[in-house]
Amino acid sequence: MNMKNIEIEYRFNIEGEQSDSYKVILDPVSLQTIEDGMKALPDWTKLTFQQCENCPLGSSTTAYCPAAVNMVLLVERFNQLLSYDSTTVMVITAERNVYHQTTVQRGICSLMGLLMASSGCPQTAFFKPMARFHLPFASTDETIWRATSTYLLAQYFQQQEGRSPDLCFQGLSEIYDRIQTVNHAFAKRLRSACRHDSMINAIILLDMFAKSMPTAIEASLEDIRHLFEPYLSSLSSI
């Protein structure tokens, strides 16, 4: 089977100032970002610089933080932008184009989430399936739907391999707990690299969502239980 690279392009049109674009190319199998070639990396990308407390990597085998390396070009390209500048973002994929009027920090937040998931960081690797089917600017309800559906599909594959599936989302809550630790450490990295606050505020937005997810999952799933009534009623009649 001929598998093509997955291309996702973000185009920022900032009112009265400038236009800029950022293209993410993913390997179709590993779902990691394919780089054109990296120049000398800045010190803030070294693994031991503000390393996450829960990082499983060691400096003896990994010199640079994968997530930080994946963020270098983004910082260089968009570091000068202010968080609350208004922008129109167009996200271009093979399937569709998405237009969204928003702020710079929210546009960067969406792109940053994609780059974190596809970086090769062991803690963010769980989000690779969602990166493959990237849905920019998803609402909270849409993201909960995608996260829980992805997690349950993973449990199906776990069961296929003879492992016990987790149908109570305990593992998903633990994933988001670990991501909070990553986000906190990454914000410290970005503070040393950025002149303006757009990057830092973007990672803060990601962290706010990660904090809310474990609590929101249970409440939101109960709210949409009625959507599955055809499944529930048909099962009970068998």
C-alpha atoms as a PDB file:
ATOM      1  CA  MET A   1       0.000   0.000   0.000  1.00  0.00           C
ATOM      2  CA  ASN A   2       1.389   3.378  -1.046  1.00  0.00           C
ATOM      3  CA  MET A   3       1.116   5.688   1.942  1.00  0.00           C
ATOM      4  CA  LYS A   4       1.678   9.369   1.344  1.00  0.00           C
ATOM      5  CA  ASN A   5       2.995  11.869   3.836  1.00  0.00           C
ATOM      6  CA  ILE A   6       0.277  13.761   5.709  1.00  0.00           C
ATOM      7  CA  GLU A   7       0.439  17.520   5.200  1.00  0.00           C
ATOM      8  CA  ILE A   8      -1.288  20.074   7.428  1.00  0.00           C
ATOM      9  CA  GLU A   9      -0.731  23.750   6.725  1.00  0.00           C
ATOM     10  CA  TYR A  10      -1.640  26.669   9.002  1.00  0.00           C
ATOM     11  CA  ARG A  11      -1.953  30.080   7.341  1.00  0.00           C
ATOM     12  CA  PHE A  12      -2.161  33.126   9.604  1.00  0.00           C
ATOM     13  CA  ASN A  13      -3.537  36.394   8.227  1.00  0.00           C
ATOM     14  CA  ILE A  14      -3.071  39.088  10.863  1.00  0.00           C
ATOM     15  CA  GLU A  15      -5.155  42.210  10.360  1.00  0.00           C
ATOM     16  CA  GLY A  16      -3.143  45.157   9.116  1.00  0.00           C
ATOM     17  CA  GLU A  17       0.192  43.439   9.596  1.00  0.00           C
ATOM     18  CA  GLN A  18       1.273  40.266   7.847  1.00  0.00           C
ATOM     19  CA  SER A  19       0.534  36.828   6.585  1.00  0.00           C
ATOM     20  CA  ASP A  20       2.537  33.753   7.465  1.00  0.00           C
ATOM     21  CA  SER A  21       2.212  30.019   7.067  1.00  0.00           C
ATOM     22  CA  TYR A  22       3.513  26.900   8.768  1.00  0.00           C
ATOM     23  CA  LYS A  23       3.365  23.459   7.202  1.00  0.00           C
ATOM     24  CA  VAL A  24       3.494  20.276   9.269  1.00  0.00           C
ATOM     25  CA  ILE A  25       4.431  17.081   7.411  1.00  0.00           C
ATOM     26  CA  LEU A  26       3.772  13.801   9.204  1.00  0.00           C
ATOM     27  CA  ASP A  27       5.167  10.388   8.412  1.00  0.00           C
ATOM     28  CA  PRO A  28       2.075   8.238   7.633  1.00  0.00           C
ATOM     29  CA  VAL A  29       3.271   5.331   9.802  1.00  0.00           C
ATOM     30  CA  SER A  30       5.126   6.851  12.763  1.00  0.00           C
ATOM     31  CA  LEU A  31       2.961  10.009  12.730  1.00  0.00           C
ATOM     32  CA  GLN A  32       6.033  12.019  13.676  1.00  0.00           C
ATOM     33  CA  THR A  33       6.971  15.307  12.074  1.00  0.00           C
ATOM     34  CA  ILE A  34       9.296  15.137   9.076  1.00  0.00           C
ATOM     35  CA  GLU A  35      11.809  17.994   9.153  1.00  0.00           C
ATOM     36  CA  ASP A  36      13.489  19.494   6.093  1.00  0.00           C
ATOM     37  CA  GLY A  37      16.764  19.694   7.982  1.00  0.00           C
ATOM     38  CA  MET A  38      17.523  21.315  11.314  1.00  0.00           C
ATOM     39  CA  LYS A  39      20.193  23.907  11.903  1.00  0.00           C
ATOM     40  CA  ALA A  40      22.036  24.289  15.197  1.00  0.00           C
ATOM     41  CA  LEU A  41      19.578  23.876  18.054  1.00  0.00           C
ATOM     42  CA  PRO A  42      19.280  26.503  20.809  1.00  0.00           C
ATOM     43  CA  ASP A  43      20.195  25.683  24.406  1.00  0.00           C
ATOM     44  CA  TRP A  44      16.566  25.731  25.548  1.00  0.00           C
ATOM     45  CA  THR A  45      15.933  22.562  23.519  1.00  0.00           C
ATOM     46  CA  LYS A  46      18.450  20.460  25.472  1.00  0.00           C
ATOM     47  CA  LEU A  47      16.809  17.613  27.352  1.00  0.00           C
ATOM     48  CA  THR A  48      18.259  18.665  30.705  1.00  0.00           C
ATOM     49  CA  PHE A  49      17.040  22.272  30.362  1.00  0.00           C
ATOM     50  CA  GLN A  50      13.848  22.502  32.455  1.00  0.00           C
ATOM     51  CA  GLN A  51      13.344  18.766  31.879  1.00  0.00           C
ATOM     52  CA  CYS A  52       9.899  17.425  32.776  1.00  0.00           C
ATOM     53  CA  GLU A  53       9.790  15.672  36.138  1.00  0.00           C
ATOM     54  CA  ASN A  54       8.103  12.674  34.540  1.00  0.00           C
ATOM     55  CA  CYS A  55      10.350  12.484  31.462  1.00  0.00           C
ATOM     56  CA  PRO A  56      11.429   8.858  30.828  1.00  0.00           C
ATOM     57  CA  LEU A  57      14.322   9.930  28.591  1.00  0.00           C
ATOM     58  CA  GLY A  58      17.942  10.195  29.707  1.00  0.00           C
ATOM     59  CA  SER A  59      20.588  12.658  28.533  1.00  0.00           C
ATOM     60  CA  SER A  60      23.043   9.817  27.905  1.00  0.00           C
ATOM     61  CA  THR A  61      20.926   8.621  24.978  1.00  0.00           C
ATOM     62  CA  THR A  62      18.817  11.688  24.117  1.00  0.00           C
ATOM     63  CA  ALA A  63      20.562  15.048  23.951  1.00  0.00           C
ATOM     64  CA  TYR A  64      17.524  17.172  23.073  1.00  0.00           C
ATOM     65  CA  CYS A  65      13.901  17.269  24.150  1.00  0.00           C
ATOM     66  CA  PRO A  66      11.832  15.969  21.185  1.00  0.00           C
ATOM     67  CA  ALA A  67       8.955  18.348  21.856  1.00  0.00           C
ATOM     68  CA  ALA A  68      11.277  21.348  22.141  1.00  0.00           C
ATOM     69  CA  VAL A  69      13.075  20.448  18.906  1.00  0.00           C
ATOM     70  CA  ASN A  70       9.706  20.242  17.165  1.00  0.00           C
ATOM     71  CA  MET A  71       8.869  23.729  18.394  1.00  0.00           C
ATOM     72  CA  VAL A  72      12.024  25.604  17.295  1.00  0.00           C
ATOM     73  CA  LEU A  73      10.758  26.768  13.909  1.00  0.00           C
ATOM     74  CA  LEU A  74       7.411  27.773  15.380  1.00  0.00           C
ATOM     75  CA  VAL A  75       9.135  29.935  18.000  1.00  0.00           C
ATOM     76  CA  GLU A  76      11.400  31.522  15.406  1.00  0.00           C
ATOM     77  CA  ARG A  77       8.549  32.274  13.025  1.00  0.00           C
ATOM     78  CA  PHE A  78       5.869  33.488  15.447  1.00  0.00           C
ATOM     79  CA  ASN A  79       7.768  34.702  18.504  1.00  0.00           C
ATOM     80  CA  GLN A  80       7.214  38.357  17.591  1.00  0.00           C
ATOM     81  CA  LEU A  81       3.422  38.137  17.593  1.00  0.00           C
ATOM     82  CA  LEU A  82       1.289  39.336  20.487  1.00  0.00           C
ATOM     83  CA  SER A  83      -1.221  37.010  22.126  1.00  0.00           C
ATOM     84  CA  TYR A  84      -4.369  39.030  21.562  1.00  0.00           C
ATOM     85  CA  ASP A  85      -3.693  40.147  18.000  1.00  0.00           C
ATOM     86  CA  SER A  86      -6.671  39.245  15.846  1.00  0.00           C
ATOM     87  CA  THR A  87      -6.007  36.770  13.056  1.00  0.00           C
ATOM     88  CA  THR A  88      -7.795  34.666  10.501  1.00  0.00           C
ATOM     89  CA  VAL A  89      -6.363  31.173  10.424  1.00  0.00           C
ATOM     90  CA  MET A  90      -6.865  28.821   7.515  1.00  0.00           C
ATOM     91  CA  VAL A  91      -5.915  25.196   8.127  1.00  0.00           C
ATOM     92  CA  ILE A  92      -5.418  23.220   4.919  1.00  0.00           C
ATOM     93  CA  THR A  93      -5.519  19.415   4.845  1.00  0.00           C
ATOM     94  CA  ALA A  94      -6.162  16.890   2.092  1.00  0.00           C
ATOM     95  CA  GLU A  95      -9.752  16.498   3.274  1.00  0.00           C
ATOM     96  CA  ARG A  96     -10.848  20.096   3.916  1.00  0.00           C
ATOM     97  CA  ASN A  97      -9.967  23.728   4.551  1.00  0.00           C
ATOM     98  CA  VAL A  98     -10.947  25.238   7.894  1.00  0.00           C
ATOM     99  CA  TYR A  99     -11.255  29.008   8.405  1.00  0.00           C
ATOM    100  CA  HIS A 100     -11.370  30.488  11.878  1.00  0.00           C
ATOM    101  CA  GLN A 101     -11.368  34.077  13.145  1.00  0.00           C
ATOM    102  CA  THR A 102      -9.544  34.052  16.461  1.00  0.00           C
ATOM    103  CA  THR A 103      -6.566  35.399  18.409  1.00  0.00           C
ATOM    104  CA  VAL A 104      -2.912  34.621  17.735  1.00  0.00           C
ATOM    105  CA  GLN A 105      -2.562  32.667  20.979  1.00  0.00           C
ATOM    106  CA  ARG A 106      -5.467  30.375  20.127  1.00  0.00           C
ATOM    107  CA  GLY A 107      -4.196  29.810  16.603  1.00  0.00           C
ATOM    108  CA  ILE A 108      -0.746  28.948  17.914  1.00  0.00           C
ATOM    109  CA  CYS A 109      -2.328  26.780  20.630  1.00  0.00           C
ATOM    110  CA  SER A 110      -3.998  24.604  17.992  1.00  0.00           C
ATOM    111  CA  LEU A 111      -0.777  24.300  15.981  1.00  0.00           C
ATOM    112  CA  MET A 112       1.303  23.717  19.113  1.00  0.00           C
ATOM    113  CA  GLY A 113      -0.927  20.825  20.177  1.00  0.00           C
ATOM    114  CA  LEU A 114      -0.358  19.190  16.789  1.00  0.00           C
ATOM    115  CA  LEU A 115       3.416  19.662  17.038  1.00  0.00           C
ATOM    116  CA  MET A 116       3.561  18.306  20.592  1.00  0.00           C
ATOM    117  CA  ALA A 117       1.629  15.161  19.624  1.00  0.00           C
ATOM    118  CA  SER A 118       3.845  14.475  16.598  1.00  0.00           C
ATOM    119  CA  SER A 119       7.184  15.313  18.230  1.00  0.00           C
ATOM    120  CA  GLY A 120       8.267  11.890  19.439  1.00  0.00           C
ATOM    121  CA  CYS A 121       7.874  12.824  23.101  1.00  0.00           C
ATOM    122  CA  PRO A 122       6.880   9.613  24.972  1.00  0.00           C
ATOM    123  CA  GLN A 123       4.342  11.494  27.094  1.00  0.00           C
ATOM    124  CA  THR A 124       2.488  13.063  24.169  1.00  0.00           C
ATOM    125  CA  ALA A 125       2.629   9.978  21.911  1.00  0.00           C
ATOM    126  CA  PHE A 126      -0.863   8.939  23.041  1.00  0.00           C
ATOM    127  CA  PHE A 127      -2.257  11.850  21.015  1.00  0.00           C
ATOM    128  CA  LYS A 128      -0.780  10.687  17.706  1.00  0.00           C
ATOM    129  CA  PRO A 129      -4.087   9.182  16.453  1.00  0.00           C
ATOM    130  CA  MET A 130      -5.779  12.529  17.070  1.00  0.00           C
ATOM    131  CA  ALA A 131      -2.952  14.283  15.224  1.00  0.00           C
ATOM    132  CA  ARG A 132      -3.528  11.943  12.275  1.00  0.00           C
ATOM    133  CA  PHE A 133      -7.171  13.054  12.133  1.00  0.00           C
ATOM    134  CA  HIS A 134      -6.430  16.624  13.166  1.00  0.00           C
ATOM    135  CA  LEU A 135      -9.492  18.762  13.841  1.00  0.00           C
ATOM    136  CA  PRO A 136      -8.352  22.357  14.382  1.00  0.00           C
ATOM    137  CA  PHE A 137     -10.252  24.601  16.791  1.00  0.00           C
ATOM    138  CA  ALA A 138     -12.443  21.789  18.048  1.00  0.00           C
ATOM    139  CA  SER A 139     -14.861  22.731  20.809  1.00  0.00           C
ATOM    140  CA  THR A 140     -14.535  21.236  24.270  1.00  0.00           C
ATOM    141  CA  ASP A 141     -17.344  18.764  23.551  1.00  0.00           C
ATOM    142  CA  GLU A 142     -15.771  17.752  20.244  1.00  0.00           C
ATOM    143  CA  THR A 143     -12.383  17.222  21.865  1.00  0.00           C
ATOM    144  CA  ILE A 144     -13.864  15.112  24.654  1.00  0.00           C
ATOM    145  CA  TRP A 145     -15.663  13.060  22.006  1.00  0.00           C
ATOM    146  CA  ARG A 146     -12.446  12.575  20.049  1.00  0.00           C
ATOM    147  CA  ALA A 147     -10.284  11.830  23.103  1.00  0.00           C
ATOM    148  CA  THR A 148     -12.671   9.289  24.615  1.00  0.00           C
ATOM    149  CA  SER A 149     -13.420   7.631  21.267  1.00  0.00           C
ATOM    150  CA  THR A 150      -9.699   7.359  20.514  1.00  0.00           C
ATOM    151  CA  TYR A 151      -9.034   5.904  23.946  1.00  0.00           C
ATOM    152  CA  LEU A 152     -11.805   3.309  23.643  1.00  0.00           C
ATOM    153  CA  LEU A 153     -10.562   2.266  20.203  1.00  0.00           C
ATOM    154  CA  ALA A 154      -7.121   1.808  21.756  1.00  0.00           C
ATOM    155  CA  GLN A 155      -8.730  -0.443  24.367  1.00  0.00           C
ATOM    156  CA  TYR A 156     -10.232  -2.531  21.562  1.00  0.00           C
ATOM    157  CA  PHE A 157      -6.748  -3.081  20.128  1.00  0.00           C
ATOM    158  CA  GLN A 158      -5.461  -3.841  23.623  1.00  0.00           C
ATOM    159  CA  GLN A 159      -8.108  -6.540  23.977  1.00  0.00           C
ATOM    160  CA  GLN A 160      -7.189  -7.924  20.542  1.00  0.00           C
ATOM    161  CA  GLU A 161      -3.688  -8.454  21.918  1.00  0.00           C
ATOM    162  CA  GLY A 162      -4.984 -10.313  24.951  1.00  0.00           C
ATOM    163  CA  ARG A 163      -4.772  -7.463  27.436  1.00  0.00           C
ATOM    164  CA  SER A 164      -7.518  -6.278  29.759  1.00  0.00           C
ATOM    165  CA  PRO A 165      -9.276  -3.181  28.380  1.00  0.00           C
ATOM    166  CA  ASP A 166      -9.953  -0.112  30.513  1.00  0.00           C
ATOM    167  CA  LEU A 167     -13.566   0.950  29.956  1.00  0.00           C
ATOM    168  CA  CYS A 168     -13.661   3.442  32.850  1.00  0.00           C
ATOM    169  CA  PHE A 169     -11.182   5.978  31.375  1.00  0.00           C
ATOM    170  CA  GLN A 170      -8.839   5.715  34.332  1.00  0.00           C
ATOM    171  CA  GLY A 171      -5.884   5.473  31.983  1.00  0.00           C
ATOM    172  CA  LEU A 172      -7.062   8.490  29.987  1.00  0.00           C
ATOM    173  CA  SER A 173      -7.248  10.611  33.142  1.00  0.00           C
ATOM    174  CA  GLU A 174      -3.726   9.500  34.019  1.00  0.00           C
ATOM    175  CA  ILE A 175      -2.504  10.527  30.567  1.00  0.00           C
ATOM    176  CA  TYR A 176      -3.895  14.032  31.035  1.00  0.00           C
ATOM    177  CA  ASP A 177      -2.381  14.224  34.518  1.00  0.00           C
ATOM    178  CA  ARG A 178       1.034  13.496  33.039  1.00  0.00           C
ATOM    179  CA  ILE A 179       0.475  16.043  30.276  1.00  0.00           C
ATOM    180  CA  GLN A 180      -0.024  18.753  32.896  1.00  0.00           C
ATOM    181  CA  THR A 181       3.492  18.082  34.177  1.00  0.00           C
ATOM    182  CA  VAL A 182       4.801  18.326  30.617  1.00  0.00           C
ATOM    183  CA  ASN A 183       2.961  21.593  29.997  1.00  0.00           C
ATOM    184  CA  HIS A 184       4.301  23.210  33.179  1.00  0.00           C
ATOM    185  CA  ALA A 185       7.901  22.346  32.318  1.00  0.00           C
ATOM    186  CA  PHE A 186       7.449  23.366  28.697  1.00  0.00           C
ATOM    187  CA  ALA A 187       6.134  26.779  29.699  1.00  0.00           C
ATOM    188  CA  LYS A 188       9.409  27.326  31.577  1.00  0.00           C
ATOM    189  CA  ARG A 189      11.351  26.411  28.442  1.00  0.00           C
ATOM    190  CA  LEU A 190       9.381  28.855  26.343  1.00  0.00           C
ATOM    191  CA  ARG A 191       9.868  31.717  28.795  1.00  0.00           C
ATOM    192  CA  SER A 192      13.584  31.529  28.141  1.00  0.00           C
ATOM    193  CA  ALA A 193      13.094  31.444  24.374  1.00  0.00           C
ATOM    194  CA  CYS A 194      10.322  33.969  23.716  1.00  0.00           C
ATOM    195  CA  ARG A 195      10.248  37.731  23.754  1.00  0.00           C
ATOM    196  CA  HIS A 196       6.468  37.996  23.665  1.00  0.00           C
ATOM    197  CA  ASP A 197       3.741  36.041  25.375  1.00  0.00           C
ATOM    198  CA  SER A 198       1.918  34.366  22.473  1.00  0.00           C
ATOM    199  CA  MET A 199       3.826  31.082  22.783  1.00  0.00           C
ATOM    200  CA  ILE A 200       3.632  30.955  26.566  1.00  0.00           C
ATOM    201  CA  ASN A 201      -0.077  31.737  26.594  1.00  0.00           C
ATOM    202  CA  ALA A 202      -0.657  29.048  23.971  1.00  0.00           C
ATOM    203  CA  ILE A 203       0.877  26.360  26.191  1.00  0.00           C
ATOM    204  CA  ILE A 204      -1.110  27.737  29.149  1.00  0.00           C
ATOM    205  CA  LEU A 205      -4.302  27.254  27.125  1.00  0.00           C
ATOM    206  CA  LEU A 206      -3.295  23.654  26.427  1.00  0.00           C
ATOM    207  CA  ASP A 207      -2.623  23.141  30.125  1.00  0.00           C
ATOM    208  CA  MET A 208      -5.980  24.608  31.168  1.00  0.00           C
ATOM    209  CA  PHE A 209      -7.691  22.099  28.925  1.00  0.00           C
ATOM    210  CA  ALA A 210      -5.587  19.211  30.247  1.00  0.00           C
ATOM    211  CA  LYS A 211      -6.561  20.154  33.806  1.00  0.00           C
ATOM    212  CA  SER A 212     -10.257  20.214  32.995  1.00  0.00           C
ATOM    213  CA  MET A 213     -10.366  16.965  31.022  1.00  0.00           C
ATOM    214  CA  PRO A 214     -10.549  14.326  33.807  1.00  0.00           C
ATOM    215  CA  THR A 215     -13.520  16.054  35.445  1.00  0.00           C
ATOM    216  CA  ALA A 216     -15.160  17.034  32.171  1.00  0.00           C
ATOM    217  CA  ILE A 217     -15.068  13.506  30.749  1.00  0.00           C
ATOM    218  CA  GLU A 218     -17.505  11.994  33.233  1.00  0.00           C
ATOM    219  CA  ALA A 219     -19.940  14.921  33.158  1.00  0.00           C
ATOM    220  CA  SER A 220     -19.872  15.317  29.383  1.00  0.00           C
ATOM    221  CA  LEU A 221     -20.354  11.631  28.692  1.00  0.00           C
ATOM    222  CA  GLU A 222     -23.446  11.580  30.872  1.00  0.00           C
ATOM    223  CA  ASP A 223     -24.766  14.576  28.932  1.00  0.00           C
ATOM    224  CA  ILE A 224     -24.538  12.689  25.624  1.00  0.00           C
ATOM    225  CA  ARG A 225     -25.782   9.342  26.917  1.00  0.00           C
ATOM    226  CA  HIS A 226     -29.161   9.956  25.267  1.00  0.00           C
ATOM    227  CA  LEU A 227     -27.503   9.933  21.832  1.00  0.00           C
ATOM    228  CA  PHE A 228     -26.828   6.224  22.260  1.00  0.00           C
ATOM    229  CA  GLU A 229     -30.355   5.217  23.178  1.00  0.00           C
ATOM    230  CA  PRO A 230     -30.776   3.138  19.972  1.00  0.00           C
ATOM    231  CA  TYR A 231     -27.773   1.029  21.041  1.00  0.00           C
ATOM    232  CA  LEU A 232     -28.965   0.725  24.634  1.00  0.00           C
ATOM    233  CA  SER A 233     -32.549  -0.177  23.755  1.00  0.00           C
ATOM    234  CA  SER A 234     -31.556  -2.685  21.083  1.00  0.00           C
ATOM    235  CA  LEU A 235     -29.134  -4.427  23.440  1.00  0.00           C
ATOM    236  CA  SER A 236     -31.707  -4.680  26.192  1.00  0.00           C
ATOM    237  CA  SER A 237     -34.230  -6.270  23.819  1.00  0.00           C
ATOM    238  CA  ILE A 238     -31.893  -9.058  22.716  1.00  0.00           C
END
